[in-house]
């Protein structure tokens, strides 16, 4: 479960960073 939560958080961060770079 912890892994899934961490994966979701990482995905959100990556998405945010990608949008920022955009």
N, C-alpha and C. Protein backbone atom coordinates (compact mmCIF):
# COMPACT_ATOMS: atom_id res chain seq x y z
N UNK A 1 0.85 -1.20 0.00
CA UNK A 1 0.00 0.00 0.00
C UNK A 1 0.88 1.25 0.00
N UNK A 2 1.88 1.26 0.86
CA UNK A 2 2.76 2.44 0.93
C UNK A 2 3.38 2.70 -0.44
N UNK A 3 3.75 1.61 -1.11
CA UNK A 3 4.38 1.78 -2.43
C UNK A 3 3.41 2.47 -3.39
N UNK A 4 2.18 2.02 -3.37
CA UNK A 4 1.17 2.62 -4.29
C UNK A 4 1.01 4.11 -3.98
N UNK A 5 0.88 4.44 -2.72
CA UNK A 5 0.70 5.86 -2.34
C UNK A 5 1.93 6.66 -2.82
N UNK A 6 3.10 6.09 -2.60
CA UNK A 6 4.31 6.83 -3.00
C UNK A 6 4.33 6.98 -4.53
N UNK A 7 3.94 5.95 -5.23
CA UNK A 7 3.92 6.01 -6.71
C UNK A 7 2.97 7.11 -7.18
N UNK A 8 1.80 7.17 -6.57
CA UNK A 8 0.81 8.20 -6.97
C UNK A 8 1.39 9.59 -6.69
N UNK A 9 2.02 9.76 -5.54
CA UNK A 9 2.59 11.07 -5.19
C UNK A 9 3.68 11.43 -6.19
N UNK A 10 4.53 10.48 -6.51
CA UNK A 10 5.61 10.74 -7.47
C UNK A 10 5.03 11.13 -8.83
N UNK A 11 3.99 10.41 -9.25
CA UNK A 11 3.36 10.70 -10.55
C UNK A 11 2.84 12.14 -10.55
N UNK A 12 2.21 12.54 -9.45
CA UNK A 12 1.65 13.90 -9.37
C UNK A 12 2.80 14.92 -9.46
N UNK A 13 3.88 14.66 -8.76
CA UNK A 13 5.02 15.59 -8.79
C UNK A 13 5.59 15.67 -10.21
N UNK A 14 5.73 14.54 -10.84
CA UNK A 14 6.28 14.53 -12.21
C UNK A 14 5.37 15.32 -13.14
N UNK A 15 4.06 15.10 -12.98
CA UNK A 15 3.10 15.83 -13.84
C UNK A 15 3.26 17.34 -13.61
N UNK A 16 3.36 17.72 -12.36
CA UNK A 16 3.48 19.16 -12.03
C UNK A 16 4.78 19.72 -12.63
N UNK A 17 5.84 18.99 -12.45
CA UNK A 17 7.14 19.47 -12.97
C UNK A 17 7.06 19.56 -14.50
N UNK A 18 6.43 18.57 -15.11
CA UNK A 18 6.34 18.58 -16.58
C UNK A 18 5.54 19.81 -17.04
N UNK A 19 4.46 20.08 -16.36
CA UNK A 19 3.64 21.25 -16.74
C UNK A 19 4.45 22.53 -16.56
N UNK A 20 5.25 22.56 -15.51
CA UNK A 20 6.06 23.77 -15.26
C UNK A 20 7.05 23.96 -16.40
N UNK A 21 7.67 22.88 -16.80
CA UNK A 21 8.65 22.96 -17.90
C UNK A 21 7.94 23.41 -19.18
N UNK A 22 6.69 22.96 -19.31
CA UNK A 22 5.94 23.33 -20.50
C UNK A 22 5.84 24.85 -20.54
